[in-house]
Protein backbone atom coordinates (compact mmCIF):
# COMPACT_ATOMS: atom_id res chain seq x y z
CA MET A 1 264.95 233.44 172.48
CA HIS A 2 267.71 233.70 175.05
CA VAL A 3 271.28 234.95 175.35
CA ALA A 4 273.76 232.11 175.87
CA ALA A 5 276.90 234.18 176.31
CA LEU A 6 278.03 237.78 176.65
CA SER A 7 281.59 238.98 176.09
CA LEU A 8 282.87 242.51 176.67
CA THR A 9 286.16 244.11 175.71
CA ASP A 10 286.91 247.61 176.99
CA PHE A 11 283.23 248.26 177.64
CA ARG A 12 282.61 250.61 180.58
CA CYS A 13 284.62 249.30 183.55
CA TYR A 14 285.46 245.97 181.94
CA ALA A 15 288.80 245.39 180.23
CA GLN A 16 287.48 241.90 179.56
CA ALA A 17 284.43 240.01 180.81
CA ASP A 18 282.83 236.75 179.73
CA VAL A 19 279.52 235.51 181.09
CA GLU A 20 277.66 232.33 180.21
CA LEU A 21 273.90 232.51 180.57
CA ARG A 22 271.00 230.07 180.56
CA PRO A 23 267.25 230.35 180.02
CA GLY A 24 265.23 231.24 183.08
CA VAL A 25 266.23 233.79 185.72
CA THR A 26 269.77 235.05 186.26
CA SER A 27 270.52 237.59 188.98
CA PHE A 28 273.61 239.82 188.87
CA LEU A 29 274.34 240.71 192.49
CA GLY A 30 276.83 243.18 193.91
CA ARG A 31 277.20 246.50 195.64
CA ASN A 32 276.44 249.68 193.73
CA GLY A 33 279.16 250.85 191.37
CA GLN A 34 280.62 247.38 190.77
CA GLY A 35 279.50 246.94 187.14
CA LYS A 36 276.16 245.07 187.29
CA THR A 37 274.26 247.56 185.16
CA ASN A 38 277.11 247.68 182.64
CA LEU A 39 276.43 244.04 181.77
CA VAL A 40 272.74 244.48 181.01
CA GLU A 41 273.44 247.83 179.34
CA ALA A 42 275.69 245.98 176.90
CA LEU A 43 272.91 243.55 176.03
CA GLY A 44 270.51 246.43 175.57
CA TYR A 45 273.03 248.02 173.22
CA VAL A 46 273.22 244.86 171.12
CA ALA A 47 269.42 244.89 170.82
CA THR A 48 268.91 248.60 170.12
CA LEU A 49 272.33 250.12 169.24
CA ASP A 50 271.65 252.57 172.02
CA SER A 51 272.20 252.92 175.76
CA HIS A 52 269.40 253.44 178.24
CA ARG A 53 271.78 255.52 180.40
CA VAL A 54 273.70 257.91 178.12
CA ALA A 55 273.00 259.73 174.86
CA THR A 56 276.40 259.19 173.19
CA ASP A 57 278.76 256.26 172.74
CA ALA A 58 281.89 257.82 174.26
CA PRO A 59 281.10 256.89 177.91
CA LEU A 60 280.66 253.24 176.87
CA VAL A 61 284.36 252.86 176.04
CA ARG A 62 286.67 252.12 178.96
CA PHE A 63 288.82 255.13 179.84
CA GLY A 64 292.07 255.01 177.89
CA ALA A 65 290.80 252.59 175.21
CA SER A 66 290.01 253.59 171.64
CA GLN A 67 287.06 251.27 171.10
CA ALA A 68 284.79 248.80 172.87
CA VAL A 69 283.59 245.45 171.58
CA VAL A 70 280.40 243.69 172.66
CA ARG A 71 279.67 240.10 171.61
CA ALA A 72 276.48 238.19 172.32
CA GLN A 73 275.48 234.65 171.41
CA VAL A 74 271.74 234.57 170.82
CA VAL A 75 269.83 231.27 170.68
CA ARG A 76 266.56 231.19 168.78
CA ASP A 77 264.78 228.04 167.62
CA GLU A 78 267.87 226.03 168.62
CA ARG A 79 270.06 228.09 166.28
CA THR A 80 272.88 230.23 167.67
CA THR A 81 273.79 233.61 166.16
CA LEU A 82 276.88 235.57 167.17
CA ILE A 83 276.47 239.35 167.12
CA GLU A 84 279.57 241.54 167.41
CA ILE A 85 279.53 245.32 167.64
CA GLU A 86 282.56 247.60 167.64
CA ILE A 87 281.84 250.92 169.32
CA ASN A 88 284.11 253.62 167.90
CA PRO A 89 283.39 257.10 169.35
CA GLY A 90 283.94 259.79 166.76
CA ARG A 91 284.02 257.19 163.98
CA ALA A 92 281.57 254.80 162.40
CA ASN A 93 280.65 251.79 164.49
CA ARG A 94 280.95 248.39 162.86
CA ALA A 95 279.01 245.16 163.28
CA ARG A 96 279.29 241.50 162.33
CA ILE A 97 276.86 238.59 162.33
CA ASN A 98 278.47 235.18 162.64
CA ARG A 99 281.87 236.79 161.97
CA SER A 100 280.68 238.31 158.67
CA PRO A 101 280.64 242.15 158.43
CA VAL A 102 277.30 243.79 157.68
CA PRO A 103 277.01 247.01 155.62
CA ARG A 104 275.52 249.01 158.51
CA PRO A 105 275.24 248.29 162.23
CA ARG A 106 271.46 248.55 162.09
CA GLU A 107 271.46 245.31 160.05
CA VAL A 108 271.77 243.46 163.38
CA LEU A 109 268.53 244.92 164.75
CA GLY A 110 265.95 242.23 165.35
CA THR A 111 268.48 239.47 166.00
CA LEU A 112 268.21 240.11 169.73
CA ARG A 113 265.15 241.72 171.24
CA THR A 114 265.09 242.95 174.80
CA VAL A 115 262.70 244.82 177.05
CA LEU A 116 264.66 246.67 179.70
CA PHE A 117 263.19 248.33 182.75
CA ALA A 118 265.51 250.58 184.77
CA PRO A 119 265.27 253.50 187.24
CA GLU A 120 265.73 255.86 184.29
CA ASP A 121 262.27 254.80 183.09
CA LEU A 122 260.65 257.07 185.65
CA ALA A 123 261.36 259.80 183.09
CA LEU A 124 258.78 258.18 180.81
CA VAL A 125 256.13 259.41 183.24
CA LYS A 126 257.73 262.51 184.74
CA GLY A 127 260.08 263.64 181.99
CA ASP A 128 259.92 265.58 178.73
CA PRO A 129 258.00 264.47 175.60
CA SER A 130 261.30 263.42 173.99
CA GLU A 131 261.51 260.53 176.48
CA ARG A 132 258.11 259.21 175.43
CA ARG A 133 258.82 259.69 171.71
CA ARG A 134 262.00 257.69 172.13
CA PHE A 135 260.06 254.96 173.94
CA LEU A 136 257.60 254.70 171.06
CA ASP A 137 260.25 254.72 168.34
CA ASP A 138 262.44 252.15 170.11
CA LEU A 139 259.44 249.85 170.38
CA LEU A 140 258.56 250.44 166.72
CA VAL A 141 262.04 249.30 165.68
CA ALA A 142 261.88 246.28 167.99
CA ARG A 143 258.65 245.22 166.27
CA ALA A 144 259.80 246.07 162.73
CA PRO A 145 263.58 246.64 162.35
CA ARG A 146 263.11 248.22 158.92
CA LEU A 147 261.66 251.25 160.70
CA ALA A 148 265.14 252.05 161.97
CA GLY A 149 265.81 253.35 158.47
CA VAL A 150 262.63 255.44 158.51
CA ARG A 151 263.60 256.87 161.87
CA ALA A 152 267.11 257.72 160.67
CA ASP A 153 265.77 259.26 157.46
CA TYR A 154 263.37 261.46 159.40
CA ASP A 155 266.14 262.69 161.70
CA ARG A 156 268.33 263.48 158.69
CA VAL A 157 265.56 265.34 156.86
CA LEU A 158 264.62 267.29 159.98
CA LYS A 159 268.22 268.35 160.56
CA GLN A 160 268.59 269.55 156.97
CA ARG A 161 265.25 271.34 157.00
CA ASN A 162 266.04 273.14 160.26
CA ALA A 163 269.36 274.31 158.80
CA LEU A 164 267.53 275.74 155.76
CA LEU A 165 264.94 277.45 157.96
CA LYS A 166 267.70 279.13 159.94
CA THR A 167 269.36 280.28 156.71
CA ALA A 168 266.11 281.66 155.32
CA SER A 169 265.27 283.32 158.64
CA ALA A 170 268.65 285.02 158.81
CA ALA A 171 268.32 286.19 155.20
CA ARG A 172 264.91 287.71 155.89
CA ARG A 173 266.14 289.56 158.96
CA GLY A 174 269.16 290.84 157.06
CA GLY A 175 267.04 292.11 154.21
CA SER A 176 268.78 289.89 151.64
CA GLY A 177 266.98 287.56 149.28
CA SER A 178 265.82 284.26 150.73
CA GLY A 179 264.18 282.94 147.56
CA GLU A 180 266.76 280.23 146.87
CA ALA A 181 266.57 278.90 150.42
CA LEU A 182 262.78 278.84 150.24
CA ARG A 183 262.81 276.94 146.94
CA THR A 184 265.18 274.38 148.42
CA LEU A 185 263.01 274.25 151.52
CA GLU A 186 260.05 273.09 149.43
CA VAL A 187 262.05 270.02 148.37
CA TRP A 188 262.77 269.15 152.00
CA ASP A 189 259.11 269.80 152.86
CA THR A 190 258.25 266.93 150.53
CA HIS A 191 260.82 264.65 152.15
CA LEU A 192 259.59 265.54 155.63
CA VAL A 193 255.99 264.89 154.68
CA THR A 194 256.75 261.52 153.06
CA VAL A 195 258.93 260.10 155.83
CA GLY A 196 257.00 261.83 158.60
CA ALA A 197 253.71 260.31 157.45
CA GLU A 198 255.21 256.81 157.57
CA LEU A 199 256.62 257.36 161.06
CA LEU A 200 253.40 258.95 162.30
CA ALA A 201 251.23 256.15 160.92
CA ALA A 202 253.43 253.56 162.61
CA ARG A 203 253.21 255.39 165.93
CA LEU A 204 249.42 255.64 165.76
CA ASP A 205 249.12 251.93 165.02
CA LEU A 206 251.48 251.17 167.89
CA VAL A 207 249.60 253.27 170.44
CA ALA A 208 246.33 251.60 169.44
CA ALA A 209 247.85 248.15 169.99
CA LEU A 210 249.71 249.11 173.17
CA ALA A 211 246.96 250.98 175.04
CA PRO A 212 244.87 248.00 176.25
CA LEU A 213 248.03 246.13 177.27
CA VAL A 214 249.21 249.09 179.37
CA ASP A 215 245.86 249.27 181.14
CA LYS A 216 245.98 245.55 181.90
CA ALA A 217 249.61 245.66 183.08
CA TYR A 218 248.97 248.64 185.35
CA ASP A 219 246.06 246.85 186.95
CA GLN A 220 248.28 243.79 187.51
CA VAL A 221 251.18 245.60 189.16
CA SER A 222 249.33 248.25 191.16
CA SER A 223 246.23 248.66 193.24
CA GLY A 224 246.30 252.40 192.56
CA ALA A 225 243.68 254.52 190.80
CA GLY A 226 243.04 253.73 187.18
CA PRO A 227 242.35 253.02 184.47
CA ALA A 228 245.65 253.68 182.72
CA ALA A 229 245.15 255.12 179.25
CA LEU A 230 247.31 256.39 176.38
CA ASP A 231 246.53 259.29 174.04
CA TYR A 232 248.74 260.33 171.15
CA VAL A 233 249.07 264.11 171.13
CA CYS A 234 249.93 265.28 167.61
CA SER A 235 251.16 268.67 166.43
CA LEU A 236 248.49 268.46 163.72
CA GLY A 237 245.59 268.30 166.18
CA PRO A 238 243.39 265.63 167.78
CA ASP A 239 241.70 264.43 164.57
CA VAL A 240 244.91 262.81 163.32
CA ALA A 241 244.34 259.75 165.53
CA LEU A 242 241.29 259.01 163.39
CA ALA A 243 243.28 259.01 160.13
CA PRO A 244 246.28 256.66 160.31
CA ASP A 245 246.34 256.27 156.50
CA ARG A 246 249.73 257.44 155.20
CA SER A 247 248.36 259.44 152.27
CA VAL A 248 245.92 261.29 154.51
CA LEU A 249 248.62 261.96 157.08
CA ALA A 250 250.94 263.25 154.36
CA SER A 251 248.29 265.71 153.23
CA LEU A 252 247.69 266.85 156.81
CA LEU A 253 251.41 267.30 157.41
CA LEU A 254 251.83 269.37 154.26
CA ALA A 255 248.83 271.53 155.16
CA GLY A 256 250.23 272.01 158.66
CA ILE A 257 253.61 273.08 157.30
CA GLU A 258 252.02 275.58 154.92
CA ARG A 259 249.81 276.94 157.69
CA ARG A 260 252.78 277.59 159.99
CA ARG A 261 255.30 278.62 157.34
CA ARG A 262 255.62 282.19 158.54
CA GLU A 263 256.08 281.11 162.16
CA GLU A 264 258.71 278.54 161.16
CA LEU A 265 260.63 281.18 159.23
CA ASP A 266 260.42 283.61 162.14
CA ARG A 267 261.80 281.02 164.56
CA GLY A 268 264.10 279.13 162.18
CA LEU A 269 262.69 275.82 163.39
CA SER A 270 260.43 273.02 162.14
CA LEU A 271 257.19 273.24 164.14
CA VAL A 272 255.16 270.48 162.47
CA GLY A 273 255.88 266.77 162.45
CA PRO A 274 256.33 263.69 164.65
CA HIS A 275 259.26 265.34 166.44
CA ARG A 276 256.77 267.74 168.06
CA ASP A 277 254.36 265.07 169.29
CA ASP A 278 253.85 263.52 172.71
CA LEU A 279 252.34 260.44 174.32
CA LEU A 280 249.87 261.45 177.04
CA LEU A 281 249.79 258.99 179.94
CA LYS A 282 246.58 259.16 181.95
CA LEU A 283 245.39 257.66 185.23
CA GLY A 284 241.64 257.96 185.25
CA PRO A 285 240.74 261.41 183.91
CA ALA A 286 244.03 263.07 184.92
CA PRO A 287 247.46 263.04 183.28
CA ALA A 288 249.94 260.89 185.18
CA LYS A 289 252.61 263.59 184.94
CA GLY A 290 252.07 265.98 187.79
CA TYR A 291 249.19 264.03 189.35
CA ALA A 292 250.45 260.49 189.96
CA SER A 293 252.20 259.68 193.22
CA HIS A 294 255.75 258.36 193.21
CA GLY A 295 254.49 254.78 193.57
CA GLU A 296 251.88 255.24 190.85
CA SER A 297 254.52 256.71 188.54
CA TRP A 298 256.77 253.70 189.11
CA SER A 299 253.85 251.37 188.43
CA TYR A 300 252.99 253.23 185.23
CA ALA A 301 256.57 253.09 183.96
CA LEU A 302 256.67 249.40 184.75
CA ALA A 303 253.32 248.88 183.01
CA LEU A 304 254.71 250.49 179.85
CA ARG A 305 257.60 248.01 179.78
CA LEU A 306 255.47 244.99 180.64
CA ALA A 307 252.99 245.97 177.92
CA SER A 308 255.90 246.31 175.48
CA TYR A 309 257.07 242.83 176.40
CA GLU A 310 253.59 241.39 175.93
CA LEU A 311 253.14 243.15 172.58
CA LEU A 312 256.44 241.80 171.25
CA ARG A 313 255.58 238.35 172.53
CA GLN A 314 252.14 238.44 170.88
CA ASP A 315 253.57 239.60 167.56
CA GLY A 316 254.84 236.07 166.93
CA SER A 317 257.55 237.49 164.68
CA PRO A 318 260.75 235.62 163.79
CA GLY A 319 262.45 237.65 166.53
CA GLY A 320 260.86 235.41 169.14
CA GLU A 321 260.05 236.21 172.75
CA PRO A 322 262.21 239.09 173.99
CA VAL A 323 264.69 238.85 176.84
CA LEU A 324 263.32 240.69 179.88
CA ILE A 325 265.83 242.80 181.83
CA LEU A 326 265.08 244.32 185.24
CA ASP A 327 267.90 246.67 186.21
CA ASP A 328 267.87 247.60 189.92
CA VAL A 329 264.08 247.66 189.94
CA PHE A 330 263.08 245.81 193.09
CA ALA A 331 264.81 248.20 195.50
CA GLU A 332 262.37 250.90 194.34
CA LEU A 333 259.23 248.80 194.85
CA ASP A 334 257.30 247.93 197.98
CA VAL A 335 256.79 244.29 198.97
CA GLU A 336 253.39 244.01 197.33
CA ARG A 337 254.57 245.39 193.99
CA ARG A 338 257.69 243.18 194.12
CA SER A 339 255.56 240.08 194.50
CA ARG A 340 253.19 241.06 191.73
CA LEU A 341 256.04 241.85 189.37
CA ALA A 342 257.83 238.59 190.15
CA ALA A 343 254.70 236.59 189.39
CA LEU A 344 254.26 238.38 186.06
CA VAL A 345 257.82 238.05 184.75
CA GLY A 346 258.75 234.65 186.14
CA VAL A 347 257.20 232.86 183.15
CA ALA A 348 259.43 234.63 180.59
CA GLU A 349 261.94 232.51 178.69
CA GLN A 350 264.86 234.55 180.04
CA VAL A 351 264.88 237.16 182.80
CA LEU A 352 268.01 239.07 183.82
CA VAL A 353 267.90 240.89 187.15
CA THR A 354 270.40 243.23 188.80
CA ALA A 355 270.27 243.95 192.52
CA ALA A 356 272.58 245.32 195.19
CA VAL A 357 271.54 242.72 197.77
CA GLU A 358 270.08 239.26 197.40
CA ALA A 359 267.17 240.11 199.71
CA ASP A 360 265.85 242.58 197.09
CA VAL A 361 265.16 239.72 194.65
CA PRO A 362 261.77 238.03 195.34
CA GLU A 363 261.79 234.33 196.13
CA LEU A 364 259.75 233.64 193.00
CA LEU A 365 262.75 234.76 190.94
CA VAL A 366 265.35 232.52 192.53
CA GLY A 367 267.58 231.24 189.73
CA ASP A 368 271.18 231.42 188.66
CA ARG A 369 273.33 233.89 190.55
CA VAL A 370 276.29 235.86 189.17
CA ASP A 371 278.37 237.92 191.60
CA VAL A 372 279.87 241.20 190.40
CA ALA A 373 282.63 242.95 192.37
CA ASP A 374 285.26 245.46 191.28
CA GLY A 375 284.54 244.83 187.62
CA GLN A 376 284.99 241.08 188.02
CA VAL A 377 282.25 238.58 187.23
CA SER A 378 281.97 235.16 188.87
CA ARG A 379 279.20 232.59 189.01
CA ALA A 380 278.07 231.84 192.55
CA ARG A 381 278.58 228.28 193.79
């Protein structure tokens, strides 16, 4: 799989931009603030319907414009597919495949698969659990696009259930009857348990498959202390990792909800479910967060992405080998880590690199060069 062309209209700083791409390595070079990251961010958006830099769509639309349009031509097995996404802040986004509208934007998921490593990934090691949950769920969807629906259903159920818990909590404190809210809550308990068990089972399977690849990737990119290990930390307790069966997980989730019912009503918040879980990253016996050095943290974040790439490549799914994107990575790495990373990624079908200066890109990754300056894109001669 590779991207043959990218076209942007009113995306970030670009009123219009068109870039032709080839398999192999392409480097986008230019000073900071010129628009390099915007290009790879757009490709990441096509692959995931999300940005690795911001939580909402509004900043993606050029100031003064009402919408942005991203188009990508994706080549897989010598067949070209055109993906078009209209980004409409405050309104529903729209998508087309080969000029034909699809019912929902998430129908395009799986057409392009990317693995993107960026400075923001340091938050996977040092940040809050929400960063690591997002990492897992994004990778789940990349492996099996249908899970985007499961993820969306869980978020919807959780939002509704939290609203009911707040209503019931307020009614209890005010001395008024909360029976109706509690009866309705039982219905949403069932929904949460059903969808939550499917999401939780998928995460447990993913962590089991990913863990040995992370350990291997960390060893390849760093000479630091190891081994690197992953543990899934569940709100239901440590025994859940031994029971990835959906029916068993559903029973455990329901029991957990019933056990913490009073506490949930007191706080007006759902306290049991995949939204409360975490992925524990360990170096040797210690957690990476709080114990790993800055260099070790960078290596761990990079290992997570390289392991993701390898897992998607090994899946052998119709999605094909993912496009590997390295956004302003090499400036943060020492010479040894740069060389090791270059040797690992150079064999990928397509690698897209952004860098402020050409010297930051290792010699092993010499390929096509695209210059970016003042929101203008030009291929180097």
